[in-house]
Amino acid sequence: MSKGFLKISEDILKNVDTYSGSQKEFYIRTGISRAYYGLIWQLKERLEKQGYNFKGKNIHHFIPKVLASLGRFDLVEEFENLKIIRNDADYRLKNEFKRLKRVDRKELKSYIKDVHLFISRLGV
């Protein structure tokens, strides 16, 4: 399931230039959101294999706590940054962004790259 979200994000990136205006913006925002959910579901799956129980927990808040318990404070900060960008894409207008710089193809490509890098750095 987790890889499906990331695949949708990558498909959006491949096809995003076929759209224009607000439709393009909506696809880019959706691509960022799908990449984030691909990340959290992959993290959940990997961490559950290590014995962590996510049942009844808010996954967005529990993942950083697990990463901290593993001593991966570098990843906690990175995860929080990726989460803030996803929140920008899902909930904020351009003039309210906290981390997302703009809504364009380059930003989506960079976000997907950062998600892949995060997953590879986790190493579990």
C-alpha atoms as a PDB file:
ATOM      1  CA  MET A   1       0.000   0.000   0.000  1.00  0.00           C
ATOM      2  CA  SER A   2       2.697   2.513   0.972  1.00  0.00           C
ATOM      3  CA  LYS A   3       4.482   2.334  -2.353  1.00  0.00           C
ATOM      4  CA  GLY A   4       1.192   2.986  -4.135  1.00  0.00           C
ATOM      5  CA  PHE A   5       0.956   6.460  -2.637  1.00  0.00           C
ATOM      6  CA  LEU A   6       4.476   7.309  -3.728  1.00  0.00           C
ATOM      7  CA  LYS A   7       3.823   5.882  -7.208  1.00  0.00           C
ATOM      8  CA  ILE A   8       0.774   8.148  -7.587  1.00  0.00           C
ATOM      9  CA  SER A   9       2.949  11.111  -6.619  1.00  0.00           C
ATOM     10  CA  GLU A  10       5.552  10.141  -9.208  1.00  0.00           C
ATOM     11  CA  ASP A  11       2.837   9.711 -11.856  1.00  0.00           C
ATOM     12  CA  ILE A  12       1.545  13.194 -11.066  1.00  0.00           C
ATOM     13  CA  LEU A  13       5.088  14.552 -11.487  1.00  0.00           C
ATOM     14  CA  LYS A  14       5.404  12.885 -14.908  1.00  0.00           C
ATOM     15  CA  ASN A  15       2.107  14.316 -16.139  1.00  0.00           C
ATOM     16  CA  VAL A  16       1.846  17.635 -14.308  1.00  0.00           C
ATOM     17  CA  ASP A  17       2.943  19.725 -17.303  1.00  0.00           C
ATOM     18  CA  THR A  18      -0.174  18.634 -19.198  1.00  0.00           C
ATOM     19  CA  TYR A  19      -2.191  20.852 -16.835  1.00  0.00           C
ATOM     20  CA  SER A  20      -2.204  24.596 -16.385  1.00  0.00           C
ATOM     21  CA  GLY A  21      -3.340  27.233 -13.948  1.00  0.00           C
ATOM     22  CA  SER A  22      -5.182  26.204 -10.826  1.00  0.00           C
ATOM     23  CA  GLN A  23      -5.593  22.635 -12.081  1.00  0.00           C
ATOM     24  CA  LYS A  24      -1.805  22.266 -12.216  1.00  0.00           C
ATOM     25  CA  GLU A  25      -1.508  23.733  -8.736  1.00  0.00           C
ATOM     26  CA  PHE A  26      -4.053  21.229  -7.374  1.00  0.00           C
ATOM     27  CA  TYR A  27      -2.161  18.297  -8.903  1.00  0.00           C
ATOM     28  CA  ILE A  28       1.150  19.503  -7.475  1.00  0.00           C
ATOM     29  CA  ARG A  29      -0.422  19.907  -4.036  1.00  0.00           C
ATOM     30  CA  THR A  30      -1.933  16.423  -4.342  1.00  0.00           C
ATOM     31  CA  GLY A  31       1.427  15.008  -5.432  1.00  0.00           C
ATOM     32  CA  ILE A  32       3.127  16.380  -2.329  1.00  0.00           C
ATOM     33  CA  SER A  33       0.381  14.995  -0.124  1.00  0.00           C
ATOM     34  CA  ARG A  34       0.533  11.535  -1.712  1.00  0.00           C
ATOM     35  CA  ALA A  35       4.339  11.438  -1.351  1.00  0.00           C
ATOM     36  CA  TYR A  36       3.985  12.264   2.347  1.00  0.00           C
ATOM     37  CA  TYR A  37       1.459   9.488   2.862  1.00  0.00           C
ATOM     38  CA  GLY A  38       3.721   7.108   0.987  1.00  0.00           C
ATOM     39  CA  LEU A  39       6.428   8.035   3.473  1.00  0.00           C
ATOM     40  CA  ILE A  40       4.376   7.590   6.625  1.00  0.00           C
ATOM     41  CA  TRP A  41       2.921   4.261   5.518  1.00  0.00           C
ATOM     42  CA  GLN A  42       6.390   2.933   4.630  1.00  0.00           C
ATOM     43  CA  LEU A  43       7.690   4.103   8.002  1.00  0.00           C
ATOM     44  CA  LYS A  44       4.760   2.495   9.791  1.00  0.00           C
ATOM     45  CA  GLU A  45       5.276  -0.819   7.983  1.00  0.00           C
ATOM     46  CA  ARG A  46       9.015  -0.870   8.671  1.00  0.00           C
ATOM     47  CA  LEU A  47       8.707   0.159  12.303  1.00  0.00           C
ATOM     48  CA  GLU A  48       5.965  -2.360  13.008  1.00  0.00           C
ATOM     49  CA  LYS A  49       8.373  -5.057  11.827  1.00  0.00           C
ATOM     50  CA  GLN A  50      10.664  -3.849  14.608  1.00  0.00           C
ATOM     51  CA  GLY A  51       7.900  -4.299  17.158  1.00  0.00           C
ATOM     52  CA  TYR A  52       6.381  -0.823  17.397  1.00  0.00           C
ATOM     53  CA  ASN A  53       2.597  -0.795  17.791  1.00  0.00           C
ATOM     54  CA  PHE A  54       0.713   1.991  16.023  1.00  0.00           C
ATOM     55  CA  LYS A  55      -2.771   0.801  16.968  1.00  0.00           C
ATOM     56  CA  GLY A  56      -4.840   3.650  18.389  1.00  0.00           C
ATOM     57  CA  LYS A  57      -2.028   6.181  17.917  1.00  0.00           C
ATOM     58  CA  ASN A  58      -1.885   9.276  15.750  1.00  0.00           C
ATOM     59  CA  ILE A  59       0.696   8.169  13.191  1.00  0.00           C
ATOM     60  CA  HIS A  60       1.792  11.753  12.410  1.00  0.00           C
ATOM     61  CA  HIS A  61       2.762  12.294  16.056  1.00  0.00           C
ATOM     62  CA  PHE A  62       3.914   8.798  16.931  1.00  0.00           C
ATOM     63  CA  ILE A  63       6.497   8.415  14.148  1.00  0.00           C
ATOM     64  CA  PRO A  64       8.723  11.255  15.448  1.00  0.00           C
ATOM     65  CA  LYS A  65       8.582   9.752  18.944  1.00  0.00           C
ATOM     66  CA  VAL A  66       9.684   6.364  17.615  1.00  0.00           C
ATOM     67  CA  LEU A  67      12.486   7.945  15.592  1.00  0.00           C
ATOM     68  CA  ALA A  68      13.648   9.801  18.710  1.00  0.00           C
ATOM     69  CA  SER A  69      13.574   6.577  20.732  1.00  0.00           C
ATOM     70  CA  LEU A  70      15.853   5.076  18.072  1.00  0.00           C
ATOM     71  CA  GLY A  71      18.238   8.009  18.527  1.00  0.00           C
ATOM     72  CA  ARG A  72      17.496   9.290  15.020  1.00  0.00           C
ATOM     73  CA  PHE A  73      17.023  12.923  15.972  1.00  0.00           C
ATOM     74  CA  ASP A  74      18.289  13.946  12.530  1.00  0.00           C
ATOM     75  CA  LEU A  75      15.320  12.134  11.016  1.00  0.00           C
ATOM     76  CA  VAL A  76      12.862  13.600  13.525  1.00  0.00           C
ATOM     77  CA  GLU A  77      13.682  17.103  12.321  1.00  0.00           C
ATOM     78  CA  GLU A  78      13.572  16.029   8.686  1.00  0.00           C
ATOM     79  CA  PHE A  79      10.232  14.247   9.178  1.00  0.00           C
ATOM     80  CA  GLU A  80       8.733  17.317  10.851  1.00  0.00           C
ATOM     81  CA  ASN A  81       9.903  19.467   7.941  1.00  0.00           C
ATOM     82  CA  LEU A  82       8.324  17.089   5.407  1.00  0.00           C
ATOM     83  CA  LYS A  83       5.111  17.133   7.454  1.00  0.00           C
ATOM     84  CA  ILE A  84       5.030  20.950   7.494  1.00  0.00           C
ATOM     85  CA  ILE A  85       5.474  21.071   3.718  1.00  0.00           C
ATOM     86  CA  ARG A  86       2.632  18.569   3.308  1.00  0.00           C
ATOM     87  CA  ASN A  87       0.470  20.722   5.585  1.00  0.00           C
ATOM     88  CA  ASP A  88       1.329  23.750   3.441  1.00  0.00           C
ATOM     89  CA  ALA A  89       0.269  21.858   0.328  1.00  0.00           C
ATOM     90  CA  ASP A  90      -2.954  20.556   1.869  1.00  0.00           C
ATOM     91  CA  TYR A  91      -4.140  23.457   3.998  1.00  0.00           C
ATOM     92  CA  ARG A  92      -2.427  26.773   3.280  1.00  0.00           C
ATOM     93  CA  LEU A  93      -2.648  29.462   0.664  1.00  0.00           C
ATOM     94  CA  LYS A  94       0.597  30.521  -0.998  1.00  0.00           C
ATOM     95  CA  ASN A  95       1.001  33.583   1.217  1.00  0.00           C
ATOM     96  CA  GLU A  96       0.595  31.375   4.335  1.00  0.00           C
ATOM     97  CA  PHE A  97       3.256  28.764   3.529  1.00  0.00           C
ATOM     98  CA  LYS A  98       5.592  27.888   6.378  1.00  0.00           C
ATOM     99  CA  ARG A  99       8.125  25.813   4.398  1.00  0.00           C
ATOM    100  CA  LEU A 100       6.834  25.232   0.875  1.00  0.00           C
ATOM    101  CA  LYS A 101       8.396  27.871  -1.341  1.00  0.00           C
ATOM    102  CA  ARG A 102       6.081  27.677  -4.347  1.00  0.00           C
ATOM    103  CA  VAL A 103       3.645  25.337  -6.022  1.00  0.00           C
ATOM    104  CA  ASP A 104       5.470  24.151  -9.106  1.00  0.00           C
ATOM    105  CA  ARG A 105       6.920  21.061 -10.756  1.00  0.00           C
ATOM    106  CA  LYS A 106      10.391  21.699  -9.325  1.00  0.00           C
ATOM    107  CA  GLU A 107       9.050  21.790  -5.768  1.00  0.00           C
ATOM    108  CA  LEU A 108       7.131  18.521  -6.259  1.00  0.00           C
ATOM    109  CA  LYS A 109      10.198  16.840  -7.764  1.00  0.00           C
ATOM    110  CA  SER A 110      12.338  18.018  -4.845  1.00  0.00           C
ATOM    111  CA  TYR A 111       9.780  16.795  -2.302  1.00  0.00           C
ATOM    112  CA  ILE A 112       9.582  13.325  -3.867  1.00  0.00           C
ATOM    113  CA  LYS A 113      13.393  13.168  -3.909  1.00  0.00           C
ATOM    114  CA  ASP A 114      13.503  14.140  -0.221  1.00  0.00           C
ATOM    115  CA  VAL A 115      10.975  11.415   0.645  1.00  0.00           C
ATOM    116  CA  HIS A 116      13.067   8.784  -1.152  1.00  0.00           C
ATOM    117  CA  LEU A 117      16.204  10.054   0.568  1.00  0.00           C
ATOM    118  CA  PHE A 118      14.498   9.906   3.961  1.00  0.00           C
ATOM    119  CA  ILE A 119      13.415   6.323   3.377  1.00  0.00           C
ATOM    120  CA  SER A 120      16.925   5.299   2.328  1.00  0.00           C
ATOM    121  CA  ARG A 121      18.483   7.029   5.360  1.00  0.00           C
ATOM    122  CA  LEU A 122      16.154   5.235   7.764  1.00  0.00           C
ATOM    123  CA  GLY A 123      17.858   1.957   6.972  1.00  0.00           C
ATOM    124  CA  VAL A 124      15.375  -0.390   8.631  1.00  0.00           C
END
